[in-house]
Amino acid sequence: MMSSALWGISLRYAVKISEKCICLSRHIAKNNGAAEKPA
């Protein structure tokens, strides 16, 4: 029971981290795209 609870918590944590990484990568890609475009 204890291990399953820990598994659930870690899974939720991993999802949050992955969502943050996706948001960050999109943000970085947007900034890079804007910087690469000629003014």
N, C-alpha and C. Protein backbone atom coordinates (compact mmCIF):
# COMPACT_ATOMS: atom_id res chain seq x y z
N MET A 1 0.84 -1.20 0.00
CA MET A 1 0.00 0.00 0.00
C MET A 1 0.88 1.26 0.00
N MET A 2 1.93 1.23 0.81
CA MET A 2 2.82 2.38 0.88
C MET A 2 3.50 2.62 -0.47
N SER A 3 3.95 1.53 -1.10
CA SER A 3 4.67 1.66 -2.37
C SER A 3 3.75 2.19 -3.47
N SER A 4 2.48 1.77 -3.46
CA SER A 4 1.55 2.23 -4.49
C SER A 4 1.27 3.73 -4.33
N ALA A 5 1.20 4.18 -3.08
CA ALA A 5 0.98 5.61 -2.82
C ALA A 5 2.18 6.42 -3.32
N LEU A 6 3.38 5.92 -3.03
CA LEU A 6 4.58 6.60 -3.49
C LEU A 6 4.63 6.62 -5.01
N TRP A 7 4.21 5.51 -5.63
CA TRP A 7 4.20 5.42 -7.09
C TRP A 7 3.27 6.48 -7.67
N GLY A 8 2.08 6.62 -7.07
CA GLY A 8 1.11 7.61 -7.55
C GLY A 8 1.66 9.02 -7.44
N ILE A 9 2.32 9.30 -6.30
CA ILE A 9 2.87 10.64 -6.09
C ILE A 9 3.98 10.92 -7.11
N SER A 10 4.87 9.95 -7.28
CA SER A 10 5.98 10.14 -8.21
C SER A 10 5.48 10.28 -9.64
N LEU A 11 4.41 9.58 -9.97
CA LEU A 11 3.85 9.65 -11.32
C LEU A 11 3.29 11.05 -11.57
N ARG A 12 2.56 11.56 -10.58
CA ARG A 12 1.98 12.90 -10.70
C ARG A 12 3.10 13.94 -10.83
N TYR A 13 4.16 13.74 -10.03
CA TYR A 13 5.31 14.65 -10.04
C TYR A 13 5.97 14.64 -11.42
N ALA A 14 6.12 13.43 -11.98
CA ALA A 14 6.76 13.29 -13.29
C ALA A 14 5.93 13.99 -14.36
N VAL A 15 4.61 13.88 -14.26
CA VAL A 15 3.72 14.53 -15.24
C VAL A 15 3.88 16.04 -15.16
N LYS A 16 3.93 16.56 -13.93
CA LYS A 16 4.08 18.01 -13.76
C LYS A 16 5.40 18.48 -14.35
N ILE A 17 6.46 17.73 -14.10
CA ILE A 17 7.79 18.09 -14.61
C ILE A 17 7.80 18.07 -16.14
N SER A 18 7.20 17.02 -16.71
CA SER A 18 7.20 16.90 -18.17
C SER A 18 6.40 18.04 -18.81
N GLU A 19 5.28 18.43 -18.15
CA GLU A 19 4.48 19.54 -18.67
C GLU A 19 5.30 20.83 -18.63
N LYS A 20 6.06 21.03 -17.53
CA LYS A 20 6.88 22.23 -17.41
C LYS A 20 7.95 22.24 -18.49
N CYS A 21 8.55 21.08 -18.74
CA CYS A 21 9.60 20.99 -19.75
C CYS A 21 9.04 21.31 -21.13
N ILE A 22 7.83 20.82 -21.42
CA ILE A 22 7.20 21.07 -22.72
C ILE A 22 6.94 22.57 -22.88
N CYS A 23 6.42 23.19 -21.82
CA CYS A 23 6.13 24.63 -21.86
C CYS A 23 7.41 25.42 -22.05
N LEU A 24 8.46 25.01 -21.34
CA LEU A 24 9.74 25.71 -21.44
C LEU A 24 10.32 25.57 -22.84
N SER A 25 10.27 24.36 -23.39
CA SER A 25 10.84 24.13 -24.72
C SER A 25 10.07 24.92 -25.78
N ARG A 26 8.74 25.01 -25.61
CA ARG A 26 7.94 25.79 -26.57
C ARG A 26 8.31 27.26 -26.47
N HIS A 27 8.47 27.73 -25.22
CA HIS A 27 8.82 29.14 -24.99
C HIS A 27 10.17 29.45 -25.61
N ILE A 28 11.14 28.56 -25.40
CA ILE A 28 12.49 28.75 -25.94
C ILE A 28 12.44 28.72 -27.47
N ALA A 29 11.68 27.78 -28.02
CA ALA A 29 11.58 27.68 -29.48
C ALA A 29 10.96 28.95 -30.05
N LYS A 30 9.97 29.50 -29.36
CA LYS A 30 9.33 30.73 -29.81
C LYS A 30 10.34 31.87 -29.82
N ASN A 31 11.11 31.98 -28.73
CA ASN A 31 12.11 33.04 -28.62
C ASN A 31 13.18 32.87 -29.69
N ASN A 32 13.63 31.65 -29.91
CA ASN A 32 14.65 31.39 -30.92
C ASN A 32 14.13 31.73 -32.31
N GLY A 33 12.87 31.37 -32.59
CA GLY A 33 12.28 31.65 -33.88
C GLY A 33 12.21 33.15 -34.13
N ALA A 34 11.85 33.90 -33.10
CA ALA A 34 11.75 35.36 -33.23
C ALA A 34 13.13 35.96 -33.44
N ALA A 35 14.13 35.39 -32.78
CA ALA A 35 15.49 35.93 -32.89
C ALA A 35 16.08 35.60 -34.26
N GLU A 36 15.72 34.45 -34.81
CA GLU A 36 16.29 34.03 -36.10
C GLU A 36 15.69 34.80 -37.28
N LYS A 37 14.45 35.26 -37.12
CA LYS A 37 13.81 35.98 -38.23
C LYS A 37 14.52 37.32 -38.49
N PRO A 38 14.75 37.66 -39.72
CA PRO A 38 15.38 38.95 -40.03
C PRO A 38 14.45 40.11 -39.69
N ALA A 39 14.98 41.15 -39.11
CA ALA A 39 14.17 42.29 -38.68
C ALA A 39 13.66 43.08 -39.89
